[in-house]
Amino acid sequence: MARKTGKGNDHMDSHSLIAWLVIGAIAGWLAGTFVKGGGFGLLGDIVVGIIGAFIGGWLAAQFHIHVGTGWISAIITGFVGASLLLIILRAVRRRA
């Protein structure tokens, strides 16, 4: 929910930031529960969820998959991306 300023620049308002944090926390927590091995705590789950949302969104665009709009689709996309991120992180951690 960006709003326009007089200069033509878009910027994020506080509601969008809160939405990103909530969606990231839910997606990260779900992914941590699904992938097993425990979560990363609230802050870690938020970070994993937000990064996962970017990964999931990028992958969906690459494969021309449209999940939908709204909170639920954002959580699903973030969950898929965060799950993939956790699988990769845990595989790398086991090899090290």
PDB file of N, CA and C in Angstrom:
ATOM      1  N   MET A   1       0.827  -1.164   0.000  1.00  0.00           N
ATOM      2  CA  MET A   1       0.000   0.000   0.000  1.00  0.00           C
ATOM      3  C   MET A   1       0.883   1.243   0.000  1.00  0.00           C
ATOM      4  N   ALA A   2       1.442   1.506  -1.103  1.00  0.00           N
ATOM      5  CA  ALA A   2       2.287   2.672  -1.222  1.00  0.00           C
ATOM      6  C   ALA A   2       1.425   3.874  -1.556  1.00  0.00           C
ATOM      7  N   ARG A   3       1.869   4.999  -1.125  1.00  0.00           N
ATOM      8  CA  ARG A   3       1.142   6.208  -1.474  1.00  0.00           C
ATOM      9  C   ARG A   3       2.072   7.144  -2.221  1.00  0.00           C
ATOM     10  N   LYS A   4       1.510   7.944  -3.047  1.00  0.00           N
ATOM     11  CA  LYS A   4       2.289   8.862  -3.871  1.00  0.00           C
ATOM     12  C   LYS A   4       2.595  10.132  -3.094  1.00  0.00           C
ATOM     13  N   THR A   5       3.807  10.586  -3.260  1.00  0.00           N
ATOM     14  CA  THR A   5       4.165  11.881  -2.714  1.00  0.00           C
ATOM     15  C   THR A   5       4.158  12.880  -3.856  1.00  0.00           C
ATOM     16  N   GLY A   6       4.325  14.122  -3.535  1.00  0.00           N
ATOM     17  CA  GLY A   6       4.325  15.158  -4.554  1.00  0.00           C
ATOM     18  C   GLY A   6       5.461  15.012  -5.547  1.00  0.00           C
ATOM     19  N   LYS A   7       6.536  14.318  -5.156  1.00  0.00           N
ATOM     20  CA  LYS A   7       7.692  14.153  -6.024  1.00  0.00           C
ATOM     21  C   LYS A   7       7.561  12.962  -6.958  1.00  0.00           C
ATOM     22  N   GLY A   8       6.491  12.168  -6.829  1.00  0.00           N
ATOM     23  CA  GLY A   8       6.323  11.004  -7.686  1.00  0.00           C
ATOM     24  C   GLY A   8       7.003   9.768  -7.148  1.00  0.00           C
ATOM     25  N   ASN A   9       7.547   9.824  -5.927  1.00  0.00           N
ATOM     26  CA  ASN A   9       8.202   8.663  -5.330  1.00  0.00           C
ATOM     27  C   ASN A   9       7.202   7.859  -4.519  1.00  0.00           C
ATOM     28  N   ASP A  10       7.281   6.541  -4.631  1.00  0.00           N
ATOM     29  CA  ASP A  10       6.455   5.667  -3.806  1.00  0.00           C
ATOM     30  C   ASP A  10       7.242   5.341  -2.543  1.00  0.00           C
ATOM     31  N   HIS A  11       6.549   5.260  -1.440  1.00  0.00           N
ATOM     32  CA  HIS A  11       7.215   4.808  -0.222  1.00  0.00           C
ATOM     33  C   HIS A  11       6.237   3.995   0.601  1.00  0.00           C
ATOM     34  N   MET A  12       6.798   3.174   1.466  1.00  0.00           N
ATOM     35  CA  MET A  12       6.003   2.249   2.252  1.00  0.00           C
ATOM     36  C   MET A  12       5.464   2.959   3.487  1.00  0.00           C
ATOM     37  N   ASP A  13       4.184   2.795   3.756  1.00  0.00           N
ATOM     38  CA  ASP A  13       3.642   3.356   4.977  1.00  0.00           C
ATOM     39  C   ASP A  13       3.715   2.308   6.083  1.00  0.00           C
ATOM     40  N   SER A  14       3.354   2.678   7.301  1.00  0.00           N
ATOM     41  CA  SER A  14       3.515   1.789   8.447  1.00  0.00           C
ATOM     42  C   SER A  14       2.618   0.559   8.355  1.00  0.00           C
ATOM     43  N   HIS A  15       1.461   0.674   7.704  1.00  0.00           N
ATOM     44  CA  HIS A  15       0.578  -0.484   7.559  1.00  0.00           C
ATOM     45  C   HIS A  15       1.216  -1.547   6.678  1.00  0.00           C
ATOM     46  N   SER A  16       1.894  -1.150   5.632  1.00  0.00           N
ATOM     47  CA  SER A  16       2.561  -2.102   4.756  1.00  0.00           C
ATOM     48  C   SER A  16       3.699  -2.801   5.485  1.00  0.00           C
ATOM     49  N   LEU A  17       4.441  -2.055   6.275  1.00  0.00           N
ATOM     50  CA  LEU A  17       5.541  -2.638   7.033  1.00  0.00           C
ATOM     51  C   LEU A  17       5.011  -3.658   8.033  1.00  0.00           C
ATOM     52  N   ILE A  18       3.949  -3.333   8.712  1.00  0.00           N
ATOM     53  CA  ILE A  18       3.341  -4.266   9.667  1.00  0.00           C
ATOM     54  C   ILE A  18       2.831  -5.499   8.935  1.00  0.00           C
ATOM     55  N   ALA A  19       2.225  -5.315   7.777  1.00  0.00           N
ATOM     56  CA  ALA A  19       1.733  -6.451   6.991  1.00  0.00           C
ATOM     57  C   ALA A  19       2.887  -7.359   6.591  1.00  0.00           C
ATOM     58  N   TRP A  20       4.002  -6.795   6.117  1.00  0.00           N
ATOM     59  CA  TRP A  20       5.175  -7.589   5.755  1.00  0.00           C
ATOM     60  C   TRP A  20       5.673  -8.382   6.948  1.00  0.00           C
ATOM     61  N   LEU A  21       5.737  -7.758   8.121  1.00  0.00           N
ATOM     62  CA  LEU A  21       6.231  -8.436   9.315  1.00  0.00           C
ATOM     63  C   LEU A  21       5.306  -9.568   9.747  1.00  0.00           C
ATOM     64  N   VAL A  22       4.006  -9.322   9.712  1.00  0.00           N
ATOM     65  CA  VAL A  22       3.043 -10.350  10.111  1.00  0.00           C
ATOM     66  C   VAL A  22       3.071 -11.520   9.124  1.00  0.00           C
ATOM     67  N   ILE A  23       3.023 -11.220   7.840  1.00  0.00           N
ATOM     68  CA  ILE A  23       3.061 -12.275   6.816  1.00  0.00           C
ATOM     69  C   ILE A  23       4.379 -13.038   6.900  1.00  0.00           C
ATOM     70  N   GLY A  24       5.483 -12.315   7.077  1.00  0.00           N
ATOM     71  CA  GLY A  24       6.786 -12.963   7.204  1.00  0.00           C
ATOM     72  C   GLY A  24       6.864 -13.868   8.418  1.00  0.00           C
ATOM     73  N   ALA A  25       6.324 -13.409   9.542  1.00  0.00           N
ATOM     74  CA  ALA A  25       6.351 -14.210  10.764  1.00  0.00           C
ATOM     75  C   ALA A  25       5.529 -15.481  10.600  1.00  0.00           C
ATOM     76  N   ILE A  26       4.344 -15.361  10.024  1.00  0.00           N
ATOM     77  CA  ILE A  26       3.480 -16.533   9.841  1.00  0.00           C
ATOM     78  C   ILE A  26       4.111 -17.510   8.851  1.00  0.00           C
ATOM     79  N   ALA A  27       4.576 -16.997   7.713  1.00  0.00           N
ATOM     80  CA  ALA A  27       5.187 -17.858   6.695  1.00  0.00           C
ATOM     81  C   ALA A  27       6.453 -18.522   7.227  1.00  0.00           C
ATOM     82  N   GLY A  28       7.278 -17.773   7.940  1.00  0.00           N
ATOM     83  CA  GLY A  28       8.514 -18.328   8.505  1.00  0.00           C
ATOM     84  C   GLY A  28       8.233 -19.377   9.572  1.00  0.00           C
ATOM     85  N   TRP A  29       7.245 -19.109  10.426  1.00  0.00           N
ATOM     86  CA  TRP A  29       6.888 -20.068  11.466  1.00  0.00           C
ATOM     87  C   TRP A  29       6.340 -21.353  10.846  1.00  0.00           C
ATOM     88  N   LEU A  30       5.444 -21.206   9.863  1.00  0.00           N
ATOM     89  CA  LEU A  30       4.893 -22.387   9.188  1.00  0.00           C
ATOM     90  C   LEU A  30       5.996 -23.203   8.511  1.00  0.00           C
ATOM     91  N   ALA A  31       6.909 -22.515   7.849  1.00  0.00           N
ATOM     92  CA  ALA A  31       8.000 -23.207   7.164  1.00  0.00           C
ATOM     93  C   ALA A  31       8.904 -23.913   8.169  1.00  0.00           C
ATOM     94  N   GLY A  32       9.216 -23.250   9.288  1.00  0.00           N
ATOM     95  CA  GLY A  32      10.043 -23.868  10.319  1.00  0.00           C
ATOM     96  C   GLY A  32       9.378 -25.096  10.916  1.00  0.00           C
ATOM     97  N   THR A  33       8.063 -25.063  11.060  1.00  0.00           N
ATOM     98  CA  THR A  33       7.314 -26.203  11.571  1.00  0.00           C
ATOM     99  C   THR A  33       7.264 -27.328  10.540  1.00  0.00           C
ATOM    100  N   PHE A  34       7.071 -26.975   9.291  1.00  0.00           N
ATOM    101  CA  PHE A  34       6.942 -27.961   8.213  1.00  0.00           C
ATOM    102  C   PHE A  34       8.272 -28.650   7.907  1.00  0.00           C
ATOM    103  N   VAL A  35       9.348 -27.886   7.842  1.00  0.00           N
ATOM    104  CA  VAL A  35      10.646 -28.430   7.453  1.00  0.00           C
ATOM    105  C   VAL A  35      11.284 -29.206   8.605  1.00  0.00           C
ATOM    106  N   LYS A  36      10.864 -28.984   9.812  1.00  0.00           N
ATOM    107  CA  LYS A  36      11.356 -29.628  11.031  1.00  0.00           C
ATOM    108  C   LYS A  36      12.693 -29.032  11.447  1.00  0.00           C
ATOM    109  N   GLY A  37      13.163 -29.471  12.572  1.00  0.00           N
ATOM    110  CA  GLY A  37      14.446 -28.988  13.067  1.00  0.00           C
ATOM    111  C   GLY A  37      14.321 -27.727  13.885  1.00  0.00           C
ATOM    112  N   GLY A  38      13.127 -27.291  14.189  1.00  0.00           N
ATOM    113  CA  GLY A  38      12.938 -26.106  15.011  1.00  0.00           C
ATOM    114  C   GLY A  38      13.026 -24.829  14.221  1.00  0.00           C
ATOM    115  N   GLY A  39      12.427 -23.812  14.760  1.00  0.00           N
ATOM    116  CA  GLY A  39      12.447 -22.511  14.121  1.00  0.00           C
ATOM    117  C   GLY A  39      13.677 -21.715  14.518  1.00  0.00           C
ATOM    118  N   PHE A  40      13.698 -20.466  14.158  1.00  0.00           N
ATOM    119  CA  PHE A  40      14.813 -19.581  14.467  1.00  0.00           C
ATOM    120  C   PHE A  40      14.415 -18.521  15.482  1.00  0.00           C
ATOM    121  N   GLY A  41      13.314 -18.713  16.164  1.00  0.00           N
ATOM    122  CA  GLY A  41      12.804 -17.678  17.049  1.00  0.00           C
ATOM    123  C   GLY A  41      11.963 -16.704  16.243  1.00  0.00           C
ATOM    124  N   LEU A  42      11.279 -15.803  16.934  1.00  0.00           N
ATOM    125  CA  LEU A  42      10.359 -14.893  16.255  1.00  0.00           C
ATOM    126  C   LEU A  42      11.064 -14.033  15.222  1.00  0.00           C
ATOM    127  N   LEU A  43      12.169 -13.403  15.607  1.00  0.00           N
ATOM    128  CA  LEU A  43      12.885 -12.532  14.679  1.00  0.00           C
ATOM    129  C   LEU A  43      13.447 -13.316  13.493  1.00  0.00           C
ATOM    130  N   GLY A  44      14.009 -14.481  13.765  1.00  0.00           N
ATOM    131  CA  GLY A  44      14.545 -15.314  12.691  1.00  0.00           C
ATOM    132  C   GLY A  44      13.463 -15.801  11.756  1.00  0.00           C
ATOM    133  N   ASP A  45      12.297 -16.173  12.323  1.00  0.00           N
ATOM    134  CA  ASP A  45      11.183 -16.615  11.490  1.00  0.00           C
ATOM    135  C   ASP A  45      10.676 -15.494  10.598  1.00  0.00           C
ATOM    136  N   ILE A  46      10.647 -14.273  11.121  1.00  0.00           N
ATOM    137  CA  ILE A  46      10.226 -13.119  10.308  1.00  0.00           C
ATOM    138  C   ILE A  46      11.191 -12.919   9.148  1.00  0.00           C
ATOM    139  N   VAL A  47      12.484 -12.974   9.437  1.00  0.00           N
ATOM    140  CA  VAL A  47      13.490 -12.785   8.387  1.00  0.00           C
ATOM    141  C   VAL A  47      13.389 -13.896   7.343  1.00  0.00           C
ATOM    142  N   VAL A  48      13.296 -15.150   7.804  1.00  0.00           N
ATOM    143  CA  VAL A  48      13.173 -16.276   6.879  1.00  0.00           C
ATOM    144  C   VAL A  48      11.895 -16.135   6.048  1.00  0.00           C
ATOM    145  N   GLY A  49      10.794 -15.719   6.677  1.00  0.00           N
ATOM    146  CA  GLY A  49       9.528 -15.554   5.965  1.00  0.00           C
ATOM    147  C   GLY A  49       9.568 -14.456   4.928  1.00  0.00           C
ATOM    148  N   ILE A  50      10.201 -13.336   5.253  1.00  0.00           N
ATOM    149  CA  ILE A  50      10.285 -12.227   4.303  1.00  0.00           C
ATOM    150  C   ILE A  50      11.191 -12.603   3.126  1.00  0.00           C
ATOM    151  N   ILE A  51      12.346 -13.196   3.422  1.00  0.00           N
ATOM    152  CA  ILE A  51      13.224 -13.642   2.343  1.00  0.00           C
ATOM    153  C   ILE A  51      12.515 -14.720   1.519  1.00  0.00           C
ATOM    154  N   GLY A  52      11.799 -15.607   2.216  1.00  0.00           N
ATOM    155  CA  GLY A  52      11.045 -16.653   1.533  1.00  0.00           C
ATOM    156  C   GLY A  52       9.960 -16.090   0.641  1.00  0.00           C
ATOM    157  N   ALA A  53       9.335 -14.989   1.064  1.00  0.00           N
ATOM    158  CA  ALA A  53       8.311 -14.354   0.233  1.00  0.00           C
ATOM    159  C   ALA A  53       8.919 -13.841  -1.070  1.00  0.00           C
ATOM    160  N   PHE A  54      10.106 -13.274  -0.986  1.00  0.00           N
ATOM    161  CA  PHE A  54      10.784 -12.831  -2.206  1.00  0.00           C
ATOM    162  C   PHE A  54      11.125 -14.025  -3.104  1.00  0.00           C
ATOM    163  N   ILE A  55      11.651 -15.081  -2.504  1.00  0.00           N
ATOM    164  CA  ILE A  55      12.003 -16.280  -3.274  1.00  0.00           C
ATOM    165  C   ILE A  55      10.746 -16.893  -3.895  1.00  0.00           C
ATOM    166  N   GLY A  56       9.700 -17.044  -3.088  1.00  0.00           N
ATOM    167  CA  GLY A  56       8.452 -17.616  -3.590  1.00  0.00           C
ATOM    168  C   GLY A  56       7.826 -16.779  -4.685  1.00  0.00           C
ATOM    169  N   GLY A  57       7.850 -15.463  -4.521  1.00  0.00           N
ATOM    170  CA  GLY A  57       7.314 -14.572  -5.549  1.00  0.00           C
ATOM    171  C   GLY A  57       8.102 -14.651  -6.842  1.00  0.00           C
ATOM    172  N   TRP A  58       9.427 -14.732  -6.714  1.00  0.00           N
ATOM    173  CA  TRP A  58      10.271 -14.833  -7.903  1.00  0.00           C
ATOM    174  C   TRP A  58      10.017 -16.157  -8.625  1.00  0.00           C
ATOM    175  N   LEU A  59       9.952 -17.253  -7.849  1.00  0.00           N
ATOM    176  CA  LEU A  59       9.704 -18.561  -8.455  1.00  0.00           C
ATOM    177  C   LEU A  59       8.331 -18.623  -9.120  1.00  0.00           C
ATOM    178  N   ALA A  60       7.326 -18.060  -8.464  1.00  0.00           N
ATOM    179  CA  ALA A  60       5.979 -18.053  -9.046  1.00  0.00           C
ATOM    180  C   ALA A  60       5.971 -17.292 -10.368  1.00  0.00           C
ATOM    181  N   ALA A  61       6.697 -16.188 -10.424  1.00  0.00           N
ATOM    182  CA  ALA A  61       6.765 -15.417 -11.670  1.00  0.00           C
ATOM    183  C   ALA A  61       7.498 -16.193 -12.759  1.00  0.00           C
ATOM    184  N   GLN A  62       8.569 -16.914 -12.386  1.00  0.00           N
ATOM    185  CA  GLN A  62       9.338 -17.677 -13.366  1.00  0.00           C
ATOM    186  C   GLN A  62       8.525 -18.813 -13.970  1.00  0.00           C
ATOM    187  N   PHE A  63       7.669 -19.440 -13.142  1.00  0.00           N
ATOM    188  CA  PHE A  63       6.863 -20.561 -13.605  1.00  0.00           C
ATOM    189  C   PHE A  63       5.444 -20.150 -13.987  1.00  0.00           C
ATOM    190  N   HIS A  64       5.187 -18.840 -14.018  1.00  0.00           N
ATOM    191  CA  HIS A  64       3.880 -18.289 -14.392  1.00  0.00           C
ATOM    192  C   HIS A  64       2.750 -18.861 -13.545  1.00  0.00           C
ATOM    193  N   ILE A  65       2.992 -18.929 -12.233  1.00  0.00           N
ATOM    194  CA  ILE A  65       1.997 -19.429 -11.283  1.00  0.00           C
ATOM    195  C   ILE A  65       1.388 -18.228 -10.578  1.00  0.00           C
ATOM    196  N   HIS A  66       0.062 -18.168 -10.578  1.00  0.00           N
ATOM    197  CA  HIS A  66      -0.639 -17.083  -9.886  1.00  0.00           C
ATOM    198  C   HIS A  66      -1.457 -17.685  -8.753  1.00  0.00           C
ATOM    199  N   VAL A  67      -1.024 -17.432  -7.519  1.00  0.00           N
ATOM    200  CA  VAL A  67      -1.691 -18.001  -6.354  1.00  0.00           C
ATOM    201  C   VAL A  67      -2.958 -17.220  -6.026  1.00  0.00           C
ATOM    202  N   GLY A  68      -2.948 -15.953  -6.276  1.00  0.00           N
ATOM    203  CA  GLY A  68      -4.090 -15.104  -5.963  1.00  0.00           C
ATOM    204  C   GLY A  68      -3.615 -13.805  -5.350  1.00  0.00           C
ATOM    205  N   THR A  69      -4.533 -13.097  -4.717  1.00  0.00           N
ATOM    206  CA  THR A  69      -4.183 -11.846  -4.063  1.00  0.00           C
ATOM    207  C   THR A  69      -4.623 -11.904  -2.613  1.00  0.00           C
ATOM    208  N   GLY A  70      -4.098 -11.013  -1.829  1.00  0.00           N
ATOM    209  CA  GLY A  70      -4.488 -10.926  -0.430  1.00  0.00           C
ATOM    210  C   GLY A  70      -3.510 -11.609   0.507  1.00  0.00           C
ATOM    211  N   TRP A  71      -3.873 -11.603   1.767  1.00  0.00           N
ATOM    212  CA  TRP A  71      -3.011 -12.114   2.830  1.00  0.00           C
ATOM    213  C   TRP A  71      -2.742 -13.604   2.692  1.00  0.00           C
ATOM    214  N   ILE A  72      -3.781 -14.375   2.408  1.00  0.00           N
ATOM    215  CA  ILE A  72      -3.619 -15.829   2.343  1.00  0.00           C
ATOM    216  C   ILE A  72      -2.645 -16.220   1.239  1.00  0.00           C
ATOM    217  N   SER A  73      -2.780 -15.630   0.070  1.00  0.00           N
ATOM    218  CA  SER A  73      -1.868 -15.966  -1.022  1.00  0.00           C
ATOM    219  C   SER A  73      -0.447 -15.500  -0.711  1.00  0.00           C
ATOM    220  N   ALA A  74      -0.301 -14.378  -0.029  1.00  0.00           N
ATOM    221  CA  ALA A  74       1.026 -13.904   0.359  1.00  0.00           C
ATOM    222  C   ALA A  74       1.662 -14.870   1.363  1.00  0.00           C
ATOM    223  N   ILE A  75       0.862 -15.388   2.283  1.00  0.00           N
ATOM    224  CA  ILE A  75       1.381 -16.356   3.257  1.00  0.00           C
ATOM    225  C   ILE A  75       1.762 -17.657   2.558  1.00  0.00           C
ATOM    226  N   ILE A  76       0.945 -18.109   1.614  1.00  0.00           N
ATOM    227  CA  ILE A  76       1.254 -19.339   0.873  1.00  0.00           C
ATOM    228  C   ILE A  76       2.549 -19.173   0.082  1.00  0.00           C
ATOM    229  N   THR A  77       2.667 -18.062  -0.623  1.00  0.00           N
ATOM    230  CA  THR A  77       3.880 -17.801  -1.407  1.00  0.00           C
ATOM    231  C   THR A  77       5.093 -17.703  -0.499  1.00  0.00           C
ATOM    232  N   GLY A  78       4.964 -16.974   0.607  1.00  0.00           N
ATOM    233  CA  GLY A  78       6.060 -16.859   1.567  1.00  0.00           C
ATOM    234  C   GLY A  78       6.422 -18.193   2.188  1.00  0.00           C
ATOM    235  N   PHE A  79       5.418 -19.009   2.476  1.00  0.00           N
ATOM    236  CA  PHE A  79       5.648 -20.330   3.052  1.00  0.00           C
ATOM    237  C   PHE A  79       6.438 -21.219   2.100  1.00  0.00           C
ATOM    238  N   VAL A  80       6.047 -21.235   0.835  1.00  0.00           N
ATOM    239  CA  VAL A  80       6.751 -22.064  -0.151  1.00  0.00           C
ATOM    240  C   VAL A  80       8.200 -21.600  -0.284  1.00  0.00           C
ATOM    241  N   GLY A  81       8.396 -20.299  -0.426  1.00  0.00           N
ATOM    242  CA  GLY A  81       9.757 -19.769  -0.551  1.00  0.00           C
ATOM    243  C   GLY A  81      10.587 -19.999   0.698  1.00  0.00           C
ATOM    244  N   ALA A  82       9.997 -19.787   1.877  1.00  0.00           N
ATOM    245  CA  ALA A  82      10.717 -19.983   3.131  1.00  0.00           C
ATOM    246  C   ALA A  82      11.047 -21.457   3.348  1.00  0.00           C
ATOM    247  N   SER A  83      10.148 -22.343   2.946  1.00  0.00           N
ATOM    248  CA  SER A  83      10.419 -23.782   3.064  1.00  0.00           C
ATOM    249  C   SER A  83      11.605 -24.172   2.200  1.00  0.00           C
ATOM    250  N   LEU A  84      11.624 -23.682   0.968  1.00  0.00           N
ATOM    251  CA  LEU A  84      12.766 -23.956   0.090  1.00  0.00           C
ATOM    252  C   LEU A  84      14.055 -23.396   0.666  1.00  0.00           C
ATOM    253  N   LEU A  85      13.974 -22.181   1.200  1.00  0.00           N
ATOM    254  CA  LEU A  85      15.150 -21.556   1.815  1.00  0.00           C
ATOM    255  C   LEU A  85      15.655 -22.393   2.982  1.00  0.00           C
ATOM    256  N   LEU A  86      14.756 -22.864   3.845  1.00  0.00           N
ATOM    257  CA  LEU A  86      15.163 -23.670   5.001  1.00  0.00           C
ATOM    258  C   LEU A  86      15.751 -25.011   4.570  1.00  0.00           C
ATOM    259  N   ILE A  87      15.175 -25.633   3.550  1.00  0.00           N
ATOM    260  CA  ILE A  87      15.714 -26.898   3.053  1.00  0.00           C
ATOM    261  C   ILE A  87      17.143 -26.699   2.558  1.00  0.00           C
ATOM    262  N   ILE A  88      17.368 -25.630   1.815  1.00  0.00           N
ATOM    263  CA  ILE A  88      18.715 -25.336   1.305  1.00  0.00           C
ATOM    264  C   ILE A  88      19.671 -25.020   2.446  1.00  0.00           C
ATOM    265  N   LEU A  89      19.238 -24.179   3.398  1.00  0.00           N
ATOM    266  CA  LEU A  89      20.096 -23.824   4.529  1.00  0.00           C
ATOM    267  C   LEU A  89      20.461 -25.046   5.362  1.00  0.00           C
ATOM    268  N   ARG A  90      19.517 -25.912   5.604  1.00  0.00           N
ATOM    269  CA  ARG A  90      19.803 -27.109   6.408  1.00  0.00           C
ATOM    270  C   ARG A  90      20.683 -28.086   5.668  1.00  0.00           C
ATOM    271  N   ALA A  91      20.542 -28.189   4.336  1.00  0.00           N
ATOM    272  CA  ALA A  91      21.424 -29.063   3.552  1.00  0.00           C
ATOM    273  C   ALA A  91      22.852 -28.548   3.575  1.00  0.00           C
ATOM    274  N   VAL A  92      23.016 -27.234   3.454  1.00  0.00           N
ATOM    275  CA  VAL A  92      24.350 -26.638   3.487  1.00  0.00           C
ATOM    276  C   VAL A  92      24.958 -26.793   4.876  1.00  0.00           C
ATOM    277  N   ARG A  93      24.166 -26.613   5.905  1.00  0.00           N
ATOM    278  CA  ARG A  93      24.651 -26.715   7.283  1.00  0.00           C
ATOM    279  C   ARG A  93      25.109 -28.139   7.595  1.00  0.00           C
ATOM    280  N   ARG A  94      24.434 -29.155   7.054  1.00  0.00           N
ATOM    281  CA  ARG A  94      24.824 -30.555   7.303  1.00  0.00           C
ATOM    282  C   ARG A  94      26.141 -30.891   6.647  1.00  0.00           C
ATOM    283  N   ARG A  95      26.402 -30.309   5.483  1.00  0.00           N
ATOM    284  CA  ARG A  95      27.658 -30.585   4.767  1.00  0.00           C
ATOM    285  C   ARG A  95      28.842 -29.897   5.410  1.00  0.00           C
ATOM    286  N   ALA A  96      28.600 -28.833   6.125  1.00  0.00           N
ATOM    287  CA  ALA A  96      29.719 -28.068   6.705  1.00  0.00           C
ATOM    288  C   ALA A  96      30.217 -28.677   7.982  1.00  0.00           C
TER     289      ALA A  96
END
